[in-house]
Every structure is written in C-alpha cells, then in structure tokens.
Amino acid sequence: MIATNKPMPRVLGIGLMSLLMTLTIGPARAADPLADLPYRLTGGTPNLDLRLRHEYVHVEDPLATPIVNNDANAVTVRVRLGYTTAAWNGLDAQLEYEGVDNIGDDRYNSFNNGRSAYTVIADAQVHEVNQAWLRYSGLPKTQIKYGRQRILIDNQRFVGNVGWRQDEMTFDGALLTSTYIPKTTFTYAHLDQVNSFRYFSIGGRNTDRIDIDGHIINASYAAIGSALKLTGYGYLFDFGLQPTGAAGRLLASTQTYGLRATGTLPAKPLTLSYALEYAKQLDYTGNPVNSDSRYWLIEGTAVWKKLKGIAGYEVLGGDGRTSFQTPLGTAHAFQGWADQFLITPVNGLTRAYLSAGVTVAKLGLTAVLHDFNAERGGQHYGSEVDFLASYPLFENCVLNAKFAAYFADKAPAVAGSAIDSQKTWLYLEYKF
C-alpha cells in the first residue's frame, strides 16, 4: 500500500463514522471458536479463469506519406488462479495469481515489450498478485474489504476492471459496502494505487502502477421498485506524477459528481428499460489546469423474447484544452471496441449508437453501430461497426469471435481521429 497523509473529506468522514456507530449497535453474535479456524482456512473455494486469445489489428493512417499499413498479431494466454477462505468470525480472505504470456513471436506493441514499430495491443506479459484482500462481514448488511481488489461500480463507466484486457485493472485500498439502510446501497472506497492494464511513462520509468489518493462515493436508492433507481456519486481522484501528452489529460486530478436514473418498465410483450445520467467534472487538488466538463447520457432498451435492441446518445464534453475523462472506467465497452477513444479528445466526444442482439439456439449474436463527433465544433470523427458471436461449448466454457471496424472521416483529417482500424479476436474462455 502507498501511504497518504491527506485527510478524508470532512463531511464524508463524519457520515462514515455515524454509519459505523449505527451498525455496531445491535445484538451480539456468538463467536466462532478458535478450533474452527483451520477448517475455515482449508474449507474455502478455489477459482480458475483461463482465456486463450488471438488478436489481429490492422490500421491505416491517411496523415502519413505514403499511407502506412501496420499489422499486429498477438496470441496470448491468461491464467487467473485464486483461493477464498471460508468465513471465521466474519472474516475471510482471498489470494489470487494472474499470469499473462504470449505464444510465439510477439508481433505487437504491448507498451512494455520494446516492439514500438508495431501497432498497440495492450496485453503485456505479466505475473503478479492480482488480488490479495481481507474482508470483514460481521456488521449488519455491511462489508469492509482491505487490500488489492477488483472494484466494479454501477455499469463500470467510471470505475471498473477493464476485464476485456488480459491483465485486468485492480486497486489497492479499502472498500465499504452497506445495504443497512432500506432500499439503499452505499459504497465508499479509498484508493492508494491503481494497478493498470497498460503502461505509462511516469517519473522517468515505464510503469503500470499509478499512485492515487482517490475517494469513491456512490449511493443508490430504489425509489419505485425496479421502475426507478436513483444513484448519486462523487469520484475524487488525486493522481501523483502525471505522464506527458494525451495520457497526462487522462490522469489529471479531477473531481466528478453525478446523478444516474435507471429502471425497467413492463410493456407486454416487450420489456423496456432506460438509463439517464448527468455528471460534472472539475479540476481537483494539484491540477494546474482549470477544467469544467459535462457528461450526459440517454439510453433506451427493448427486449422481446430472445431479441434485444439498444439506442443511446452519450456526450463527454471538451473545451479545446481539457475534456471529460474516465481514467478508472471500462471505456472499451462504451466507446467502441476498436478503442479509438480511450482518451477523450480535447474537443470532447459525442456518440450515437444502436445495438441489436439475438440468441439462436445457444449462439449469441450482437451488432453495434456507433457514430462519433466532436462535442465542441461538431466535427465528424468517424463511425464504427462491431460484431460479436458467442457459443458455449460446454459448462463454463465459451468460444467467442469478435470484430470491430472504425472508419475515420478523412476530411478534415485530425490526428487521433483519422486512423482507420480493423480488429479481429478469436478467444476461448473457461472459468469456475
């Protein structure tokens, strides 16, 4: 853990103390005897996650003279092996190993393999402790987890594990989750370090370990059953040293506050659901750049039998200097599988999208269409089509084929939005 002497925001600290004092007032439970401890340590649950994947990337940059064609190929295998103990006096723990290796010649740039002549595929070789945490569940409807862990908030738009990459993103810190208040889920986390899936040049070294003094505050309330859930949040991220260039924008210190409304509305024979969201992002602590960006989303989903359709419009604001960023979010799932907008351009980004999915026998098929524009000035960046096919071979084992094609608007060509890209994946995953 990376120690920090920066105080927790005062209001939040008072609220957490009040919640914990309330939770500790209640009937005492009988303690598990010490003699049970060896059985709880050995009577836990193992977990295994294997993923073998081939990824092929082809890009064309019309700004280069002559036009450059860059191909990258990566065959990688990811192994995740862990063990979670049984609970003893409300305490349990998990230790999980993660290893990622490439098979054959690594004809791709992982950000850490020295193959910068190739196009990026951000699956670096790694062997590490993926998770190592201790959890206490002895308080009523409340859990406190401390250590290296996976943290998934809401739909992972702002905080997630980027599970698409072979080396997932985890966090060092403390996490409190409580459903003690009826119809309410409260989450607070303090983060000391981000264990990223990608590498950054920070302080003269190439690293995937990012220092942070971060606060995650999220509270959701089921206002009208499944018809309306309201979620309010605040994400306060104070990063340490920042990389230069666009990555510096991504890891700038910011504070983000927002409100999200979701719900499901039965309308037989359809099932309709919606999501509405608004957020404001400001500079925070030592950020030398004054920023004030907005985010908003409107999305509707319709399901009929085995058919599913989604339509939405999403805006990440920009003022020509700074733009709305989601440094701890799972951008791949939202901003196109071709990963052209992992860092929001300075003029912002609007995304209109349509998605259609169907299940035929056991085969799942999904198609997504995106259209990207600048939020400031309205320039058309480009469009993208994504396809996914998934088929379960047997229990816990799924074969997937995935394709993404981004078509840049060539006139006017602007760096960061003018690169055509096609990506193809074939992968097999087994987990229990």
Protein backbone atom coordinates (compact mmCIF):
# COMPACT_ATOMS: atom_id res chain seq x y z
CA MET A 1 0.00 0.00 0.00
CA ILE A 2 1.08 3.57 -0.61
CA ALA A 3 0.55 5.69 2.46
CA THR A 4 -1.14 9.05 2.24
CA ASN A 5 -1.38 11.82 4.81
CA LYS A 6 -4.15 13.70 3.01
CA PRO A 7 -7.32 13.86 5.14
CA MET A 8 -10.59 12.35 4.01
CA PRO A 9 -13.17 14.98 3.14
CA ARG A 10 -14.69 16.10 6.46
CA VAL A 11 -18.35 15.56 5.60
CA LEU A 12 -17.66 12.08 4.27
CA GLY A 13 -15.64 11.18 7.37
CA ILE A 14 -18.46 12.24 9.69
CA GLY A 15 -21.00 10.29 7.62
CA LEU A 16 -18.92 7.09 7.69
CA MET A 17 -18.36 7.35 11.45
CA SER A 18 -22.10 7.78 12.00
CA LEU A 19 -22.89 4.77 9.80
CA LEU A 20 -20.36 2.53 11.56
CA MET A 21 -21.58 3.60 15.00
CA THR A 22 -25.13 2.76 13.97
CA LEU A 23 -24.12 -0.62 12.62
CA THR A 24 -22.21 -1.63 15.74
CA ILE A 25 -25.30 -1.14 17.91
CA GLY A 26 -27.10 -4.45 17.66
CA PRO A 27 -27.36 -7.96 19.09
CA ALA A 28 -24.02 -9.67 19.63
CA ARG A 29 -23.44 -12.84 17.63
CA ALA A 30 -21.83 -15.95 19.01
CA ALA A 31 -18.13 -16.07 18.19
CA ASP A 32 -16.70 -18.91 16.12
CA PRO A 33 -14.26 -20.89 18.30
CA LEU A 34 -10.54 -20.78 17.59
CA ALA A 35 -10.62 -24.52 16.94
CA ASP A 36 -12.71 -23.85 13.81
CA LEU A 37 -10.07 -21.62 12.22
CA PRO A 38 -8.03 -24.37 10.46
CA TYR A 39 -11.21 -25.78 8.92
CA ARG A 40 -12.31 -22.35 7.69
CA LEU A 41 -8.88 -21.74 6.16
CA THR A 42 -8.87 -25.06 4.32
CA GLY A 43 -12.59 -25.26 3.59
CA GLY A 44 -12.74 -22.33 1.19
CA THR A 45 -13.42 -22.02 -2.52
CA PRO A 46 -10.88 -22.04 -5.39
CA ASN A 47 -11.41 -20.12 -8.61
CA LEU A 48 -9.87 -20.55 -12.05
CA ASP A 49 -10.15 -18.38 -15.16
CA LEU A 50 -8.38 -19.38 -18.39
CA ARG A 51 -8.52 -17.30 -21.56
CA LEU A 52 -6.69 -18.11 -24.80
CA ARG A 53 -6.97 -15.30 -27.35
CA HIS A 54 -5.73 -14.31 -30.78
CA GLU A 55 -5.98 -10.61 -31.62
CA TYR A 56 -5.24 -9.13 -35.04
CA VAL A 57 -5.09 -5.37 -35.67
CA HIS A 58 -4.80 -3.53 -38.98
CA VAL A 59 -4.57 0.28 -39.13
CA GLU A 60 -4.22 2.82 -41.93
CA ASP A 61 -3.06 6.37 -41.20
CA PRO A 62 -4.00 8.81 -44.01
CA LEU A 63 -1.83 11.52 -42.43
CA ALA A 64 1.29 9.51 -43.23
CA THR A 65 3.05 9.87 -46.60
CA PRO A 66 2.91 7.33 -48.12
CA ILE A 67 -0.02 5.71 -46.33
CA VAL A 68 1.31 3.35 -43.66
CA ASN A 69 -0.22 -0.08 -43.12
CA ASN A 70 0.54 -1.53 -39.71
CA ASP A 71 -0.49 -5.04 -38.75
CA ALA A 72 -0.15 -6.55 -35.29
CA ASN A 73 -0.75 -10.11 -34.12
CA ALA A 74 -0.90 -11.34 -30.54
CA VAL A 75 -1.62 -14.85 -29.31
CA THR A 76 -1.84 -14.65 -25.53
CA VAL A 77 -2.99 -16.87 -22.70
CA ARG A 78 -4.25 -15.58 -19.38
CA VAL A 79 -4.41 -17.69 -16.22
CA ARG A 80 -6.11 -16.50 -13.07
CA LEU A 81 -5.96 -18.86 -10.09
CA GLY A 82 -7.22 -17.93 -6.66
CA TYR A 83 -8.50 -19.19 -3.34
CA THR A 84 -11.03 -17.64 -0.95
CA THR A 85 -11.21 -18.92 2.62
CA ALA A 86 -14.44 -19.71 4.43
CA ALA A 87 -15.56 -17.03 6.91
CA TRP A 88 -14.41 -17.14 10.55
CA ASN A 89 -15.92 -14.59 12.92
CA GLY A 90 -16.99 -12.56 9.94
CA LEU A 91 -13.51 -12.59 8.38
CA ASP A 92 -12.50 -14.16 5.08
CA ALA A 93 -9.65 -13.56 2.65
CA GLN A 94 -8.66 -14.12 -0.95
CA LEU A 95 -5.33 -14.58 -2.68
CA GLU A 96 -5.31 -14.67 -6.50
CA TYR A 97 -2.49 -15.08 -9.00
CA GLU A 98 -2.65 -13.74 -12.56
CA GLY A 99 -0.28 -14.59 -15.37
CA VAL A 100 -0.31 -13.41 -18.99
CA ASP A 101 2.09 -14.84 -21.59
CA ASN A 102 2.35 -14.51 -25.34
CA ILE A 103 2.66 -17.60 -27.52
CA GLY A 104 5.08 -17.37 -30.43
CA ASP A 105 6.59 -14.15 -31.79
CA ASP A 106 5.16 -11.03 -30.13
CA ARG A 107 4.46 -9.00 -33.27
CA TYR A 108 2.66 -6.25 -31.38
CA ASN A 109 3.39 -3.31 -29.09
CA SER A 110 2.30 -4.10 -25.54
CA PHE A 111 3.73 -0.78 -24.21
CA ASN A 112 6.28 -2.88 -22.31
CA ASN A 113 7.91 -5.27 -24.80
CA GLY A 114 10.03 -2.82 -26.79
CA ARG A 115 8.19 -3.54 -30.07
CA SER A 116 7.16 0.07 -30.73
CA ALA A 117 7.27 -0.41 -34.52
CA TYR A 118 4.07 -2.41 -34.25
CA THR A 119 0.52 -1.30 -33.53
CA VAL A 120 -0.60 -1.41 -29.91
CA ILE A 121 -2.26 -4.46 -28.38
CA ALA A 122 -2.27 -3.70 -24.66
CA ASP A 123 -1.70 -7.25 -23.38
CA ALA A 124 1.74 -7.19 -21.77
CA GLN A 125 3.34 -10.25 -20.25
CA VAL A 126 2.80 -10.19 -16.51
CA HIS A 127 2.98 -12.49 -13.49
CA GLU A 128 1.56 -10.87 -10.39
CA VAL A 129 -0.65 -11.00 -7.35
CA ASN A 130 -3.94 -9.92 -8.88
CA GLN A 131 -5.96 -9.83 -5.67
CA ALA A 132 -4.99 -10.13 -2.00
CA TRP A 133 -7.63 -8.89 0.40
CA LEU A 134 -9.12 -9.36 3.85
CA ARG A 135 -12.87 -8.86 4.30
CA TYR A 136 -14.96 -8.33 7.43
CA SER A 137 -18.71 -9.03 7.20
CA GLY A 138 -19.55 -9.02 10.90
CA LEU A 139 -21.55 -5.79 10.78
CA PRO A 140 -25.24 -5.90 9.81
CA LYS A 141 -25.63 -5.91 6.00
CA THR A 142 -22.18 -4.34 5.64
CA GLN A 143 -18.82 -5.48 4.35
CA ILE A 144 -15.38 -3.88 4.70
CA LYS A 145 -12.66 -5.14 2.38
CA TYR A 146 -8.99 -4.11 2.56
CA GLY A 147 -6.16 -4.91 0.18
CA ARG A 148 -5.70 -5.41 -3.55
CA GLN A 149 -9.08 -5.99 -5.12
CA ARG A 150 -11.42 -5.75 -8.07
CA ILE A 151 -13.90 -2.83 -7.77
CA LEU A 152 -16.92 -2.58 -10.07
CA ILE A 153 -19.23 0.43 -9.68
CA ASP A 154 -22.62 0.59 -11.45
CA ASN A 155 -22.10 -0.15 -15.17
CA GLN A 156 -18.29 0.36 -14.86
CA ARG A 157 -18.42 3.56 -16.92
CA PHE A 158 -16.44 5.42 -14.24
CA VAL A 159 -14.91 2.65 -12.11
CA GLY A 160 -14.27 -0.88 -13.36
CA ASN A 161 -11.67 -3.56 -14.00
CA VAL A 162 -11.33 -3.29 -17.82
CA GLY A 163 -11.99 -7.04 -17.87
CA TRP A 164 -11.65 -7.15 -21.65
CA ARG A 165 -7.87 -6.91 -21.46
CA GLN A 166 -5.93 -9.99 -20.38
CA ASP A 167 -4.39 -8.19 -17.40
CA GLU A 168 -7.34 -6.64 -15.61
CA MET A 169 -7.17 -3.40 -13.60
CA THR A 170 -7.29 -3.74 -9.82
CA PHE A 171 -6.96 -1.31 -6.93
CA ASP A 172 -5.07 -1.17 -3.65
CA GLY A 173 -7.27 0.32 -0.94
CA ALA A 174 -10.25 -0.10 1.35
CA LEU A 175 -13.85 -0.67 0.28
CA LEU A 176 -17.01 -0.36 2.38
CA THR A 177 -20.37 -1.58 1.04
CA SER A 178 -23.59 -1.38 3.04
CA THR A 179 -27.27 -2.14 2.42
CA TYR A 180 -28.20 -1.44 6.05
CA ILE A 181 -30.49 1.45 5.12
CA PRO A 182 -33.64 0.02 3.45
CA LYS A 183 -33.73 0.26 -0.37
CA THR A 184 -30.28 1.86 -0.31
CA THR A 185 -26.82 0.63 -1.30
CA PHE A 186 -23.93 2.77 -0.09
CA THR A 187 -20.36 2.32 -1.32
CA TYR A 188 -17.22 4.12 -0.26
CA ALA A 189 -13.66 3.31 -1.27
CA HIS A 190 -10.32 4.91 -0.57
CA LEU A 191 -7.67 4.08 -3.18
CA ASP A 192 -3.91 4.20 -2.73
CA GLN A 193 -2.77 2.65 -6.01
CA VAL A 194 -4.15 1.71 -9.42
CA ASN A 195 -2.74 -1.49 -10.93
CA SER A 196 -3.48 -0.66 -14.54
CA PHE A 197 -3.76 -2.91 -17.58
CA ARG A 198 -1.50 -0.55 -19.56
CA TYR A 199 1.87 1.12 -19.07
CA PHE A 200 2.64 4.83 -18.75
CA SER A 201 5.89 6.78 -18.76
CA ILE A 202 5.76 8.40 -15.30
CA GLY A 203 8.69 9.98 -13.50
CA GLY A 204 11.21 8.59 -15.96
CA ARG A 205 10.05 4.98 -15.72
CA ASN A 206 7.61 2.79 -17.63
CA THR A 207 5.06 1.53 -15.13
CA ASP A 208 1.57 0.13 -14.78
CA ARG A 209 1.43 1.15 -11.09
CA ILE A 210 -0.21 4.56 -10.62
CA ASP A 211 -0.17 6.44 -7.32
CA ILE A 212 -3.53 7.90 -6.33
CA ASP A 213 -5.31 9.39 -3.36
CA GLY A 214 -8.79 8.52 -4.52
CA HIS A 215 -12.25 8.62 -2.97
CA ILE A 216 -15.19 6.73 -4.48
CA ILE A 217 -18.60 7.69 -3.06
CA ASN A 218 -21.70 6.06 -4.51
CA ALA A 219 -25.22 5.74 -3.11
CA SER A 220 -28.23 4.24 -4.89
CA TYR A 221 -31.87 4.25 -3.79
CA ALA A 222 -34.66 2.06 -5.18
CA ALA A 223 -37.24 4.83 -5.28
CA ILE A 224 -40.00 2.93 -7.11
CA GLY A 225 -39.03 -0.73 -7.06
CA SER A 226 -37.49 -1.76 -10.36
CA ALA A 227 -39.13 1.17 -12.18
CA LEU A 228 -36.78 3.83 -10.79
CA LYS A 229 -33.40 3.59 -9.12
CA LEU A 230 -31.57 6.82 -8.37
CA THR A 231 -27.78 6.83 -7.92
CA GLY A 232 -25.69 9.77 -6.80
CA TYR A 233 -21.92 9.68 -6.87
CA GLY A 234 -18.71 11.57 -6.32
CA TYR A 235 -15.32 10.41 -7.61
CA LEU A 236 -12.35 12.41 -6.31
CA PHE A 237 -9.04 11.35 -7.89
CA ASP A 238 -5.75 12.97 -6.88
CA PHE A 239 -3.05 11.37 -9.01
CA GLY A 240 0.64 11.68 -8.25
CA LEU A 241 3.13 12.28 -11.05
CA GLN A 242 1.47 12.53 -14.46
CA PRO A 243 2.65 11.30 -17.85
CA THR A 244 3.02 13.81 -20.67
CA GLY A 245 0.77 14.32 -23.69
CA ALA A 246 -2.69 12.84 -24.02
CA ALA A 247 -2.04 10.37 -21.21
CA GLY A 248 -1.48 13.36 -18.93
CA ARG A 249 -5.02 14.53 -19.69
CA LEU A 250 -6.32 11.10 -18.81
CA LEU A 251 -4.51 11.03 -15.45
CA ALA A 252 -5.14 14.65 -14.47
CA SER A 253 -6.55 15.11 -10.95
CA THR A 254 -10.31 15.62 -11.17
CA GLN A 255 -13.47 15.55 -9.09
CA THR A 256 -16.65 14.22 -10.71
CA TYR A 257 -20.18 14.47 -9.34
CA GLY A 258 -23.22 12.97 -10.99
CA LEU A 259 -26.72 11.54 -10.84
CA ARG A 260 -27.97 8.42 -12.65
CA ALA A 261 -31.55 7.19 -13.05
CA THR A 262 -32.34 3.68 -14.29
CA GLY A 263 -35.41 1.50 -14.41
CA THR A 264 -37.38 -1.26 -16.11
CA LEU A 265 -40.91 -0.78 -17.39
CA PRO A 266 -43.04 -3.82 -18.34
CA ALA A 267 -44.94 -3.22 -21.57
CA LYS A 268 -46.01 -6.67 -22.72
CA PRO A 269 -44.95 -8.29 -24.92
CA LEU A 270 -41.87 -6.03 -24.58
CA THR A 271 -39.69 -5.26 -21.59
CA LEU A 272 -38.47 -1.68 -21.72
CA SER A 273 -35.64 -0.18 -19.68
CA TYR A 274 -33.91 3.18 -19.63
CA ALA A 275 -30.84 4.99 -18.30
CA LEU A 276 -30.44 8.74 -17.83
CA GLU A 277 -27.26 10.27 -16.45
CA TYR A 278 -25.62 13.64 -15.90
CA ALA A 279 -22.22 14.43 -14.40
CA LYS A 280 -19.90 17.40 -13.96
CA GLN A 281 -16.11 17.11 -13.82
CA LEU A 282 -13.85 19.77 -12.27
CA ASP A 283 -10.15 20.07 -11.59
CA TYR A 284 -9.03 18.78 -8.18
CA THR A 285 -6.16 19.38 -5.71
CA GLY A 286 -2.88 19.99 -7.55
CA ASN A 287 -4.29 20.04 -11.09
CA PRO A 288 -2.82 23.23 -12.64
CA VAL A 289 -5.44 23.37 -15.41
CA ASN A 290 -8.88 24.74 -14.66
CA SER A 291 -11.42 22.34 -16.10
CA ASP A 292 -15.19 22.21 -16.15
CA SER A 293 -16.61 19.44 -18.38
CA ARG A 294 -20.01 17.79 -18.58
CA TYR A 295 -21.18 14.25 -19.23
CA TRP A 296 -24.66 13.11 -20.07
CA LEU A 297 -26.35 10.00 -21.35
CA ILE A 298 -29.77 8.95 -22.56
CA GLU A 299 -30.36 5.28 -23.39
CA GLY A 300 -33.33 3.02 -24.03
CA THR A 301 -33.51 -0.78 -24.27
CA ALA A 302 -36.27 -3.04 -25.59
CA VAL A 303 -36.36 -6.83 -25.14
CA TRP A 304 -38.75 -9.19 -26.90
CA LYS A 305 -38.23 -12.91 -26.33
CA LYS A 306 -34.63 -13.52 -27.43
CA LEU A 307 -34.23 -10.19 -29.24
CA LYS A 308 -32.67 -7.12 -27.65
CA GLY A 309 -32.27 -3.62 -29.05
CA ILE A 310 -30.48 -0.60 -27.54
CA ALA A 311 -30.38 3.02 -28.71
CA GLY A 312 -28.49 5.80 -26.97
CA TYR A 313 -26.68 9.10 -27.10
CA GLU A 314 -23.69 9.94 -24.92
CA VAL A 315 -21.71 13.17 -24.55
CA LEU A 316 -18.28 13.75 -22.98
CA GLY A 317 -17.59 17.48 -23.01
CA GLY A 318 -14.43 19.32 -24.08
CA ASP A 319 -13.36 22.97 -24.34
CA GLY A 320 -10.36 22.66 -26.69
CA ARG A 321 -7.88 22.35 -23.77
CA THR A 322 -9.36 19.79 -21.42
CA SER A 323 -12.11 17.18 -21.73
CA PHE A 324 -14.16 14.81 -19.64
CA GLN A 325 -12.07 11.72 -18.79
CA THR A 326 -12.84 8.36 -17.19
CA PRO A 327 -9.37 7.15 -16.09
CA LEU A 328 -10.67 4.27 -13.93
CA GLY A 329 -13.55 3.26 -16.20
CA THR A 330 -14.01 0.43 -18.68
CA ALA A 331 -14.03 2.53 -21.86
CA HIS A 332 -13.78 -0.44 -24.26
CA ALA A 333 -17.36 -1.47 -23.53
CA PHE A 334 -18.74 2.01 -24.25
CA GLN A 335 -16.62 3.94 -26.77
CA GLY A 336 -16.28 1.33 -29.50
CA TRP A 337 -14.39 -1.95 -29.46
CA ALA A 338 -11.77 -0.52 -31.83
CA ASP A 339 -10.54 1.56 -28.84
CA GLN A 340 -10.08 4.79 -30.80
CA PHE A 341 -11.30 6.99 -27.93
CA LEU A 342 -9.80 5.58 -24.73
CA ILE A 343 -8.70 9.17 -24.06
CA THR A 344 -11.37 11.77 -24.79
CA PRO A 345 -10.22 14.32 -27.45
CA VAL A 346 -9.80 17.92 -26.25
CA ASN A 347 -12.91 18.97 -28.18
CA GLY A 348 -14.95 16.30 -26.45
CA LEU A 349 -16.85 13.38 -27.89
CA THR A 350 -20.46 12.61 -28.76
CA ARG A 351 -21.54 9.07 -29.52
CA ALA A 352 -24.84 7.99 -31.07
CA TYR A 353 -25.25 4.23 -31.05
CA LEU A 354 -27.58 1.38 -31.94
CA SER A 355 -27.20 -2.21 -30.80
CA ALA A 356 -29.08 -5.37 -31.72
CA GLY A 357 -28.71 -8.81 -30.18
CA VAL A 358 -30.33 -12.20 -30.65
CA THR A 359 -29.87 -15.74 -29.33
CA VAL A 360 -30.39 -18.56 -31.82
CA ALA A 361 -30.28 -21.95 -30.11
CA LYS A 362 -27.19 -21.42 -27.96
CA LEU A 363 -25.48 -18.98 -30.32
CA GLY A 364 -25.48 -15.35 -29.16
CA LEU A 365 -25.09 -12.64 -31.81
CA THR A 366 -24.59 -8.90 -31.24
CA ALA A 367 -24.08 -5.99 -33.66
CA VAL A 368 -23.36 -2.38 -32.67
CA LEU A 369 -23.19 0.79 -34.78
CA HIS A 370 -21.50 3.97 -33.45
CA ASP A 371 -21.22 7.48 -34.87
CA PHE A 372 -18.60 9.79 -33.30
CA ASN A 373 -18.43 13.59 -33.38
CA ALA A 374 -16.65 16.36 -31.50
CA GLU A 375 -18.77 17.89 -28.74
CA ARG A 376 -17.18 21.30 -29.38
CA GLY A 377 -17.39 22.41 -33.01
CA GLY A 378 -19.30 19.34 -34.19
CA GLN A 379 -16.53 17.83 -36.35
CA HIS A 380 -17.35 14.30 -37.51
CA TYR A 381 -14.63 11.95 -36.25
CA GLY A 382 -15.86 8.75 -37.84
CA SER A 383 -18.13 5.72 -37.45
CA GLU A 384 -17.69 2.16 -36.26
CA VAL A 385 -19.34 -1.24 -36.58
CA ASP A 386 -18.84 -4.03 -34.02
CA PHE A 387 -19.88 -7.69 -34.14
CA LEU A 388 -19.76 -10.45 -31.52
CA ALA A 389 -20.65 -14.15 -31.70
CA SER A 390 -20.59 -16.33 -28.57
CA TYR A 391 -21.19 -20.05 -28.29
CA PRO A 392 -20.97 -22.17 -25.11
CA LEU A 393 -19.05 -25.35 -25.93
CA PHE A 394 -19.80 -26.91 -22.56
CA GLU A 395 -20.44 -25.78 -19.00
CA ASN A 396 -18.28 -22.77 -18.05
CA CYS A 397 -16.51 -22.76 -21.44
CA VAL A 398 -17.40 -20.20 -24.14
CA LEU A 399 -15.96 -19.69 -27.63
CA ASN A 400 -16.14 -16.09 -28.91
CA ALA A 401 -15.45 -14.33 -32.19
CA LYS A 402 -15.37 -10.52 -32.20
CA PHE A 403 -14.78 -7.87 -34.86
CA ALA A 404 -14.53 -4.06 -34.83
CA ALA A 405 -14.02 -1.67 -37.76
CA TYR A 406 -13.54 2.08 -37.30
CA PHE A 407 -13.89 4.28 -40.39
CA ALA A 408 -12.34 7.72 -39.93
CA ASP A 409 -13.64 10.87 -41.56
CA LYS A 410 -10.71 11.80 -43.81
CA ALA A 411 -11.64 15.46 -44.40
CA PRO A 412 -10.55 17.32 -42.46
CA ALA A 413 -8.04 14.83 -41.06
CA VAL A 414 -7.09 15.41 -37.43
CA ALA A 415 -4.54 13.32 -35.53
CA GLY A 416 -6.30 10.96 -33.16
CA SER A 417 -9.46 10.71 -35.24
CA ALA A 418 -8.19 9.98 -38.75
CA ILE A 419 -6.90 6.43 -38.45
CA ASP A 420 -8.92 3.58 -39.93
CA SER A 421 -8.69 0.47 -37.79
CA GLN A 422 -9.92 -3.10 -38.03
CA LYS A 423 -9.59 -5.54 -35.16
CA THR A 424 -10.43 -9.23 -35.00
CA TRP A 425 -10.46 -11.52 -31.98
CA LEU A 426 -10.97 -15.23 -31.53
CA TYR A 427 -10.88 -16.42 -27.94
CA LEU A 428 -11.83 -19.31 -25.72
CA GLU A 429 -12.58 -18.79 -22.02
CA TYR A 430 -13.10 -21.28 -19.25
CA LYS A 431 -13.87 -20.34 -15.67
CA PHE A 432 -15.21 -21.76 -12.46
